[in-house]
C-alpha atoms as a PDB file:
ATOM      1  CA  MET A   1      74.705 121.612  92.306  1.00  0.00           C
ATOM      2  CA  ALA A   2      76.142 122.362  88.856  1.00  0.00           C
ATOM      3  CA  GLU A   3      79.181 124.028  90.439  1.00  0.00           C
ATOM      4  CA  SER A   4      79.799 120.966  92.607  1.00  0.00           C
ATOM      5  CA  GLU A   5      79.624 118.624  89.605  1.00  0.00           C
ATOM      6  CA  GLU A   6      81.947 120.896  87.634  1.00  0.00           C
ATOM      7  CA  GLU A   7      84.412 120.943  90.533  1.00  0.00           C
ATOM      8  CA  ASN A   8      84.317 117.148  90.808  1.00  0.00           C
ATOM      9  CA  LEU A   9      84.864 116.751  87.072  1.00  0.00           C
ATOM     10  CA  GLN A  10      87.897 119.046  87.121  1.00  0.00           C
ATOM     11  CA  ARG A  11      89.371 117.241  90.125  1.00  0.00           C
ATOM     12  CA  GLN A  12      88.808 113.905  88.402  1.00  0.00           C
ATOM     13  CA  ILE A  13      90.563 115.181  85.275  1.00  0.00           C
ATOM     14  CA  ASP A  14      93.517 116.417  87.370  1.00  0.00           C
ATOM     15  CA  GLU A  15      93.787 113.093  89.180  1.00  0.00           C
ATOM     16  CA  ILE A  16      93.547 111.070  85.956  1.00  0.00           C
ATOM     17  CA  GLU A  17      96.292 113.163  84.312  1.00  0.00           C
ATOM     18  CA  ALA A  18      98.555 112.723  87.343  1.00  0.00           C
ATOM     19  CA  LEU A  19      97.931 108.967  87.580  1.00  0.00           C
ATOM     20  CA  SER A  20      98.477 108.341  83.857  1.00  0.00           C
ATOM     21  CA  SER A  21     101.708 110.374  83.987  1.00  0.00           C
ATOM     22  CA  ILE A  22     103.093 108.539  87.015  1.00  0.00           C
ATOM     23  CA  TYR A  23     102.068 104.970  86.166  1.00  0.00           C
ATOM     24  CA  GLU A  24     102.463 105.210  82.368  1.00  0.00           C
ATOM     25  CA  ASP A  25     102.497 101.566  81.160  1.00  0.00           C
ATOM     26  CA  GLU A  26     100.761 100.378  84.336  1.00  0.00           C
ATOM     27  CA  TRP A  27      97.825 102.734  83.655  1.00  0.00           C
ATOM     28  CA  CYS A  28      95.037 101.573  81.354  1.00  0.00           C
ATOM     29  CA  VAL A  29      91.932 103.345  80.035  1.00  0.00           C
ATOM     30  CA  ILE A  30      89.043 100.876  79.913  1.00  0.00           C
ATOM     31  CA  ASP A  31      86.183 103.243  79.058  1.00  0.00           C
ATOM     32  CA  GLU A  32      87.008 106.934  78.989  1.00  0.00           C
ATOM     33  CA  ALA A  33      83.404 108.013  78.448  1.00  0.00           C
ATOM     34  CA  SER A  34      82.263 106.092  81.535  1.00  0.00           C
ATOM     35  CA  ARG A  35      85.429 107.125  83.407  1.00  0.00           C
ATOM     36  CA  ILE A  36      86.617 103.568  84.053  1.00  0.00           C
ATOM     37  CA  PHE A  37      90.364 102.997  84.445  1.00  0.00           C
ATOM     38  CA  CYS A  38      92.745 100.317  85.686  1.00  0.00           C
ATOM     39  CA  ILE A  39      96.114 100.435  87.478  1.00  0.00           C
ATOM     40  CA  ARG A  40      98.426  97.424  87.650  1.00  0.00           C
ATOM     41  CA  ILE A  41     100.171  97.274  91.044  1.00  0.00           C
ATOM     42  CA  VAL A  42     103.071  94.935  91.842  1.00  0.00           C
ATOM     43  CA  ASP A  43     105.135  94.052  94.908  1.00  0.00           C
ATOM     44  CA  GLU A  44     108.371  95.149  93.223  1.00  0.00           C
ATOM     45  CA  LEU A  45     109.123  96.790  89.882  1.00  0.00           C
ATOM     46  CA  GLU A  46     111.738  94.612  88.170  1.00  0.00           C
ATOM     47  CA  HIS A  47     110.789  91.079  89.210  1.00  0.00           C
ATOM     48  CA  PRO A  48     107.166  91.188  90.376  1.00  0.00           C
ATOM     49  CA  LYS A  49     105.705  88.059  91.940  1.00  0.00           C
ATOM     50  CA  TRP A  50     102.383  89.358  93.245  1.00  0.00           C
ATOM     51  CA  THR A  51     100.087  91.558  91.189  1.00  0.00           C
ATOM     52  CA  ILE A  52      96.711  93.202  91.707  1.00  0.00           C
ATOM     53  CA  CYS A  53      94.851  95.209  89.085  1.00  0.00           C
ATOM     54  CA  LEU A  54      92.842  98.005  90.674  1.00  0.00           C
ATOM     55  CA  GLN A  55      89.923  98.923  88.424  1.00  0.00           C
ATOM     56  CA  VAL A  56      88.113 102.131  89.345  1.00  0.00           C
ATOM     57  CA  MET A  57      85.094 104.020  88.102  1.00  0.00           C
ATOM     58  CA  PHE A  58      84.555 107.680  88.995  1.00  0.00           C
ATOM     59  CA  PRO A  59      80.927 108.485  89.829  1.00  0.00           C
ATOM     60  CA  PRO A  60      79.776 112.120  89.294  1.00  0.00           C
ATOM     61  CA  GLY A  61      79.964 112.817  93.051  1.00  0.00           C
ATOM     62  CA  TYR A  62      83.617 111.792  93.450  1.00  0.00           C
ATOM     63  CA  PRO A  63      85.582 113.059  95.293  1.00  0.00           C
ATOM     64  CA  THR A  64      83.533 115.601  97.262  1.00  0.00           C
ATOM     65  CA  ALA A  65      80.441 113.527  97.989  1.00  0.00           C
ATOM     66  CA  ALA A  66      80.932 109.948  96.800  1.00  0.00           C
ATOM     67  CA  PRO A  67      83.696 107.337  96.791  1.00  0.00           C
ATOM     68  CA  PRO A  68      85.062 105.702  93.640  1.00  0.00           C
ATOM     69  CA  ILE A  69      83.619 102.331  92.706  1.00  0.00           C
ATOM     70  CA  TYR A  70      86.444  99.827  92.573  1.00  0.00           C
ATOM     71  CA  GLN A  71      87.269  96.268  91.664  1.00  0.00           C
ATOM     72  CA  LEU A  72      90.264  94.191  92.789  1.00  0.00           C
ATOM     73  CA  ASN A  73      91.343  91.802  90.037  1.00  0.00           C
ATOM     74  CA  ALA A  74      93.656  88.975  91.152  1.00  0.00           C
ATOM     75  CA  PRO A  75      92.764  85.269  90.851  1.00  0.00           C
ATOM     76  CA  TRP A  76      94.677  84.458  94.052  1.00  0.00           C
ATOM     77  CA  LEU A  77      93.036  87.209  96.144  1.00  0.00           C
ATOM     78  CA  ARG A  78      90.162  85.494  97.921  1.00  0.00           C
ATOM     79  CA  GLY A  79      88.359  85.103 101.212  1.00  0.00           C
ATOM     80  CA  GLN A  80      89.904  86.716 104.273  1.00  0.00           C
ATOM     81  CA  GLU A  81      92.770  88.365 102.373  1.00  0.00           C
ATOM     82  CA  ARG A  82      90.364  90.134 100.022  1.00  0.00           C
ATOM     83  CA  MET A  83      88.204  91.247 102.934  1.00  0.00           C
ATOM     84  CA  VAL A  84      91.178  92.634 104.881  1.00  0.00           C
ATOM     85  CA  LEU A  85      92.452  94.626 101.898  1.00  0.00           C
ATOM     86  CA  SER A  86      88.975  95.912 101.016  1.00  0.00           C
ATOM     87  CA  ASN A  87      88.409  97.036 104.603  1.00  0.00           C
ATOM     88  CA  SER A  88      91.740  98.886 104.534  1.00  0.00           C
ATOM     89  CA  LEU A  89      90.789 100.755 101.365  1.00  0.00           C
ATOM     90  CA  GLU A  90      87.403 101.702 102.768  1.00  0.00           C
ATOM     91  CA  GLU A  91      89.043 102.921 105.970  1.00  0.00           C
ATOM     92  CA  ILE A  92      91.319 105.171 103.911  1.00  0.00           C
ATOM     93  CA  TYR A  93      88.257 106.599 102.177  1.00  0.00           C
ATOM     94  CA  LEU A  94      86.507 107.303 105.476  1.00  0.00           C
ATOM     95  CA  GLN A  95      89.615 108.975 106.883  1.00  0.00           C
ATOM     96  CA  ASN A  96      89.996 111.152 103.772  1.00  0.00           C
ATOM     97  CA  SER A  97      86.363 111.798 102.887  1.00  0.00           C
ATOM     98  CA  GLY A  98      86.061 114.475 100.213  1.00  0.00           C
ATOM     99  CA  GLU A  99      89.660 114.081  99.022  1.00  0.00           C
ATOM    100  CA  SER A 100      91.208 112.362  95.995  1.00  0.00           C
ATOM    101  CA  ILE A 101      92.342 109.015  97.364  1.00  0.00           C
ATOM    102  CA  LEU A 102      93.636 106.796  94.553  1.00  0.00           C
ATOM    103  CA  PHE A 103      97.305 107.529  95.350  1.00  0.00           C
ATOM    104  CA  LEU A 104      96.678 106.409  98.919  1.00  0.00           C
ATOM    105  CA  TRP A 105      94.850 103.307  97.715  1.00  0.00           C
ATOM    106  CA  VAL A 106      97.696 102.334  95.384  1.00  0.00           C
ATOM    107  CA  GLY A 107     100.198 102.821  98.214  1.00  0.00           C
ATOM    108  CA  LYS A 108      98.145 100.621 100.531  1.00  0.00           C
ATOM    109  CA  ILE A 109      97.822  97.864  97.931  1.00  0.00           C
ATOM    110  CA  ARG A 110     101.566  98.006  97.210  1.00  0.00           C
ATOM    111  CA  ASP A 111     102.352  97.672 100.931  1.00  0.00           C
ATOM    112  CA  PHE A 112      99.929  94.734 101.106  1.00  0.00           C
ATOM    113  CA  LEU A 113     101.728  93.027  98.203  1.00  0.00           C
ATOM    114  CA  GLN A 114     105.174  93.667  99.681  1.00  0.00           C
ATOM    115  CA  VAL A 115     104.137  92.079 102.980  1.00  0.00           C
ATOM    116  CA  LYS A 116     102.627  89.189 101.013  1.00  0.00           C
ATOM    117  CA  SER A 117     105.894  88.772  99.108  1.00  0.00           C
ATOM    118  CA  GLN A 118     107.916  88.657 102.347  1.00  0.00           C
ATOM    119  CA  THR A 119     105.655  86.197 104.157  1.00  0.00           C
ATOM    120  CA  ALA A 120     104.313  83.913 101.420  1.00  0.00           C
ATOM    121  CA  ALA A 121     106.025  80.564 100.918  1.00  0.00           C
ATOM    122  CA  ALA A 122     105.569  80.518  97.158  1.00  0.00           C
ATOM    123  CA  VAL A 123     104.516  82.636  94.216  1.00  0.00           C
ATOM    124  CA  PRO A 124     100.829  82.589  93.261  1.00  0.00           C
ATOM    125  CA  GLU A 125      99.606  79.842  91.019  1.00  0.00           C
ATOM    126  CA  THR A 126      98.853  81.139  87.531  1.00  0.00           C
ATOM    127  CA  GLN A 127      95.756  79.803  85.865  1.00  0.00           C
ATOM    128  CA  GLN A 128      96.282  78.772  82.288  1.00  0.00           C
ATOM    129  CA  ILE A 129      93.614  79.762  79.799  1.00  0.00           C
ATOM    130  CA  THR A 130      93.056  77.202  77.045  1.00  0.00           C
ATOM    131  CA  GLU A 131      90.307  76.460  74.599  1.00  0.00           C
ATOM    132  CA  GLU A 132      89.030  73.774  76.952  1.00  0.00           C
ATOM    133  CA  GLY A 133      89.556  75.600  80.229  1.00  0.00           C
ATOM    134  CA  GLU A 134      87.961  78.649  81.776  1.00  0.00           C
ATOM    135  CA  VAL A 135      89.169  80.930  84.527  1.00  0.00           C
ATOM    136  CA  ASP A 136      86.745  81.585  87.357  1.00  0.00           C
ATOM    137  CA  TYR A 137      86.631  85.286  88.142  1.00  0.00           C
ATOM    138  CA  GLN A 138      83.592  85.141  90.366  1.00  0.00           C
ATOM    139  CA  ASP A 139      85.528  86.772  93.222  1.00  0.00           C
ATOM    140  CA  ASP A 140      86.459  89.796  91.083  1.00  0.00           C
ATOM    141  CA  TYR A 141      83.437  91.914  91.886  1.00  0.00           C
ATOM    142  CA  LEU A 142      82.725  95.615  91.949  1.00  0.00           C
ATOM    143  CA  ILE A 143      82.856  97.116  95.420  1.00  0.00           C
ATOM    144  CA  THR A 144      81.341 100.397  96.481  1.00  0.00           C
ATOM    145  CA  CYS A 145      82.505 102.173  99.617  1.00  0.00           C
ATOM    146  CA  GLN A 146      79.623 103.354 101.725  1.00  0.00           C
ATOM    147  CA  PRO A 147      79.795 107.113 102.428  1.00  0.00           C
ATOM    148  CA  PRO A 148      79.876 107.907 106.151  1.00  0.00           C
ATOM    149  CA  ALA A 149      76.679 109.050 107.826  1.00  0.00           C
ATOM    150  CA  GLN A 150      78.655 111.863 109.422  1.00  0.00           C
ATOM    151  CA  GLN A 151      82.001 113.561 108.909  1.00  0.00           C
ATOM    152  CA  VAL A 152      84.916 111.359 109.987  1.00  0.00           C
ATOM    153  CA  THR A 153      88.152 113.015 111.056  1.00  0.00           C
ATOM    154  CA  ALA A 154      91.446 111.131 110.860  1.00  0.00           C
ATOM    155  CA  ILE A 155      93.563 111.542 113.975  1.00  0.00           C
ATOM    156  CA  VAL A 156      97.285 110.814 113.789  1.00  0.00           C
ATOM    157  CA  ASP A 157      98.847 109.867 117.123  1.00  0.00           C
ATOM    158  CA  PHE A 158     102.092 111.807 117.472  1.00  0.00           C
ATOM    159  CA  SER A 159     102.642 110.748 121.095  1.00  0.00           C
ATOM    160  CA  GLU A 160     104.927 107.845 120.210  1.00  0.00           C
ATOM    161  CA  GLY A 161     108.507 108.183 121.433  1.00  0.00           C
ATOM    162  CA  SER A 162     110.172 109.545 124.538  1.00  0.00           C
ATOM    163  CA  GLU A 163     109.385 113.006 125.848  1.00  0.00           C
ATOM    164  CA  ASP A 164     113.015 114.141 125.517  1.00  0.00           C
ATOM    165  CA  GLU A 165     113.190 113.039 121.886  1.00  0.00           C
ATOM    166  CA  GLN A 166     115.149 115.518 119.760  1.00  0.00           C
ATOM    167  CA  CYS A 167     114.364 116.865 116.329  1.00  0.00           C
ATOM    168  CA  PRO A 168     116.458 115.020 113.722  1.00  0.00           C
ATOM    169  CA  PRO A 169     118.730 117.045 111.393  1.00  0.00           C
ATOM    170  CA  ILE A 170     116.918 118.686 108.469  1.00  0.00           C
ATOM    171  CA  THR A 171     118.490 119.099 105.042  1.00  0.00           C
ATOM    172  CA  HIS A 172     117.116 122.044 103.057  1.00  0.00           C
ATOM    173  CA  GLY A 173     117.060 121.942  99.261  1.00  0.00           C
ATOM    174  CA  GLU A 174     117.680 124.865  96.950  1.00  0.00           C
ATOM    175  CA  PRO A 175     114.525 126.849  96.036  1.00  0.00           C
ATOM    176  CA  ILE A 176     113.273 126.249  92.475  1.00  0.00           C
ATOM    177  CA  THR A 177     111.043 128.739  90.627  1.00  0.00           C
ATOM    178  CA  ASP A 178     108.726 127.505  87.903  1.00  0.00           C
ATOM    179  CA  ARG A 179     105.905 129.546  86.326  1.00  0.00           C
ATOM    180  CA  ARG A 180     106.006 132.159  89.088  1.00  0.00           C
ATOM    181  CA  SER A 181     105.756 129.519  91.812  1.00  0.00           C
ATOM    182  CA  THR A 182     108.662 128.724  94.126  1.00  0.00           C
ATOM    183  CA  PHE A 183     109.285 125.220  95.490  1.00  0.00           C
ATOM    184  CA  GLN A 184     111.723 124.081  98.178  1.00  0.00           C
ATOM    185  CA  GLY A 185     112.249 120.586  99.512  1.00  0.00           C
ATOM    186  CA  HIS A 186     113.250 119.610 103.040  1.00  0.00           C
ATOM    187  CA  LEU A 187     114.444 116.169 104.128  1.00  0.00           C
ATOM    188  CA  ALA A 188     114.796 114.613 107.588  1.00  0.00           C
ATOM    189  CA  PRO A 189     115.393 111.017 108.793  1.00  0.00           C
ATOM    190  CA  VAL A 190     112.549 110.052 111.152  1.00  0.00           C
ATOM    191  CA  VAL A 191     111.940 106.812 113.046  1.00  0.00           C
ATOM    192  CA  THR A 192     108.860 107.812 115.092  1.00  0.00           C
ATOM    193  CA  THR A 193     105.744 109.888 114.484  1.00  0.00           C
ATOM    194  CA  LYS A 194     106.882 112.130 117.327  1.00  0.00           C
ATOM    195  CA  GLN A 195     109.899 113.080 115.234  1.00  0.00           C
ATOM    196  CA  VAL A 196     107.595 113.898 112.308  1.00  0.00           C
ATOM    197  CA  LYS A 197     105.830 116.441 114.520  1.00  0.00           C
ATOM    198  CA  LEU A 198     109.140 117.866 115.738  1.00  0.00           C
ATOM    199  CA  VAL A 199     110.368 118.327 112.163  1.00  0.00           C
ATOM    200  CA  LEU A 200     107.150 120.074 111.136  1.00  0.00           C
ATOM    201  CA  GLN A 201     107.276 122.343 114.182  1.00  0.00           C
ATOM    202  CA  LYS A 202     110.893 123.248 113.407  1.00  0.00           C
ATOM    203  CA  LEU A 203     110.099 124.043 109.783  1.00  0.00           C
ATOM    204  CA  TYR A 204     107.089 126.184 110.699  1.00  0.00           C
ATOM    205  CA  GLU A 205     109.355 128.371 112.820  1.00  0.00           C
ATOM    206  CA  ASN A 206     110.499 129.788 109.479  1.00  0.00           C
ATOM    207  CA  LYS A 207     108.002 132.510 108.524  1.00  0.00           C
ATOM    208  CA  LYS A 208     108.418 131.897 104.794  1.00  0.00           C
ATOM    209  CA  ILE A 209     107.515 128.245 105.255  1.00  0.00           C
ATOM    210  CA  ALA A 210     104.685 128.997 107.673  1.00  0.00           C
ATOM    211  CA  ASN A 211     103.177 131.505 105.220  1.00  0.00           C
ATOM    212  CA  ALA A 212     103.587 129.325 102.127  1.00  0.00           C
ATOM    213  CA  THR A 213     100.445 128.675 100.080  1.00  0.00           C
ATOM    214  CA  HIS A 214     100.839 124.889 100.310  1.00  0.00           C
ATOM    215  CA  ASN A 215     103.039 122.903 102.692  1.00  0.00           C
ATOM    216  CA  ILE A 216     102.857 119.278 101.619  1.00  0.00           C
ATOM    217  CA  TYR A 217     104.697 116.428 103.302  1.00  0.00           C
ATOM    218  CA  ALA A 218     104.926 112.651 103.430  1.00  0.00           C
ATOM    219  CA  TYR A 219     106.703 110.169 105.666  1.00  0.00           C
ATOM    220  CA  ARG A 220     107.404 106.435 105.808  1.00  0.00           C
ATOM    221  CA  ILE A 221     108.613 104.644 108.930  1.00  0.00           C
ATOM    222  CA  TYR A 222     109.523 100.962 108.806  1.00  0.00           C
ATOM    223  CA  CYS A 223     108.051  98.945 111.682  1.00  0.00           C
ATOM    224  CA  GLU A 224     110.377  95.979 112.073  1.00  0.00           C
ATOM    225  CA  ASP A 225     108.113  94.083 114.475  1.00  0.00           C
ATOM    226  CA  LYS A 226     105.236  94.134 111.970  1.00  0.00           C
ATOM    227  CA  GLN A 227     107.451  94.129 108.854  1.00  0.00           C
ATOM    228  CA  THR A 228     105.435  96.932 107.307  1.00  0.00           C
ATOM    229  CA  PHE A 229     105.480 100.707 106.960  1.00  0.00           C
ATOM    230  CA  LEU A 230     103.759 103.385 109.001  1.00  0.00           C
ATOM    231  CA  GLN A 231     103.109 106.165 106.504  1.00  0.00           C
ATOM    232  CA  ASP A 232     100.964 109.216 105.892  1.00  0.00           C
ATOM    233  CA  CYS A 233     100.908 112.396 103.816  1.00  0.00           C
ATOM    234  CA  GLU A 234      99.374 115.862 103.714  1.00  0.00           C
ATOM    235  CA  ASP A 235      98.136 117.751 100.617  1.00  0.00           C
ATOM    236  CA  ASP A 236      97.489 121.108 102.361  1.00  0.00           C
ATOM    237  CA  GLY A 237      94.981 122.122  99.696  1.00  0.00           C
ATOM    238  CA  GLU A 238      97.042 120.995  96.681  1.00  0.00           C
ATOM    239  CA  THR A 239      95.015 118.090  95.309  1.00  0.00           C
ATOM    240  CA  ALA A 240      96.841 114.733  95.616  1.00  0.00           C
ATOM    241  CA  ALA A 241     100.249 116.441  96.015  1.00  0.00           C
ATOM    242  CA  GLY A 242     101.048 114.646  99.274  1.00  0.00           C
ATOM    243  CA  GLY A 243      99.963 111.342  97.762  1.00  0.00           C
ATOM    244  CA  ARG A 244     102.268 111.881  94.786  1.00  0.00           C
ATOM    245  CA  LEU A 245     105.167 112.608  97.113  1.00  0.00           C
ATOM    246  CA  LEU A 246     104.429 109.453  99.119  1.00  0.00           C
ATOM    247  CA  HIS A 247     104.224 107.429  95.915  1.00  0.00           C
ATOM    248  CA  LEU A 248     107.619 108.776  94.828  1.00  0.00           C
ATOM    249  CA  MET A 249     109.106 107.690  98.177  1.00  0.00           C
ATOM    250  CA  GLN A 250     107.596 104.210  97.748  1.00  0.00           C
ATOM    251  CA  ASP A 251     109.013 103.861  94.248  1.00  0.00           C
ATOM    252  CA  GLU A 252     112.489 105.023  95.305  1.00  0.00           C
ATOM    253  CA  ALA A 253     112.447 102.581  98.231  1.00  0.00           C
ATOM    254  CA  SER A 254     111.434  99.778  95.886  1.00  0.00           C
ATOM    255  CA  LYS A 255     114.262 100.621  93.451  1.00  0.00           C
ATOM    256  CA  THR A 256     116.794 100.749  96.303  1.00  0.00           C
ATOM    257  CA  SER A 257     115.607  97.370  97.578  1.00  0.00           C
ATOM    258  CA  THR A 258     115.952  95.858  94.105  1.00  0.00           C
ATOM    259  CA  LYS A 259     119.517  97.219  93.689  1.00  0.00           C
ATOM    260  CA  SER A 260     120.468  95.888  97.127  1.00  0.00           C
ATOM    261  CA  LYS A 261     119.230  92.397  96.226  1.00  0.00           C
ATOM    262  CA  LYS A 262     121.206  92.475  92.973  1.00  0.00           C
ATOM    263  CA  GLN A 263     124.399  93.503  94.791  1.00  0.00           C
ATOM    264  CA  LYS A 264     123.958  90.717  97.336  1.00  0.00           C
ATOM    265  CA  GLY A 265     123.429  88.273  94.490  1.00  0.00           C
ATOM    266  CA  LYS A 266     126.691  89.335  92.809  1.00  0.00           C
ATOM    267  CA  LYS A 267     128.620  89.001  96.080  1.00  0.00           C
ATOM    268  CA  GLY A 268     127.190  85.508  96.550  1.00  0.00           C
ATOM    269  CA  LYS A 269     128.504  84.435  93.166  1.00  0.00           C
END
């Protein structure tokens, strides 16, 4: 029991260090002793319109035996929208039971906000706080995921796409050695989950890659009909590594989108 608690504590410390390093100003320590933290998540980095603050508390059993306790803080997030987002986060927990999941949660909330930004007619109404007025935060409540009664396995459907679909071209990065560990990146443009499988199969034909200690990956595929992204990642035993890679892809995509909008704006002038 003591070993399990010690393992959870170390994994929590690793996740907290990674999150605080990545989110920097968006990361806030509310109560370090009680392990309560907050992450500010926006639809886009430079000119955010929609914002949600994800407040989390790490119980002693997280991540191996218990989910984090979380709170979604956003005055505009109510009713059906709150329920849909909460259900999505709980589904992610069930699919990744025993793993560190905050990177995946942040990615899901960011996707939710980006879809909201694309479909909403106006920006959210901001409630002004004055000496005479009060803001009603009754909908900002703590939510606890319920642990599954039995082990739940996430199954990714790689059957999408035609049977004669070909493996897309793969670009191989230069190996980098740091502290006696060697890292090498590989990049491929994919538009279906079938192509993701083909890329992985092609890479694993290389014995060095197949025998590597950790093979992490992440992918994002834009679904035009739903105006959202199909995405997933794999840690392969390296805690939260796949989630960090996916987060990096999300941030780069957001920066590219912002630059594109600026360029269009200049052309319009």
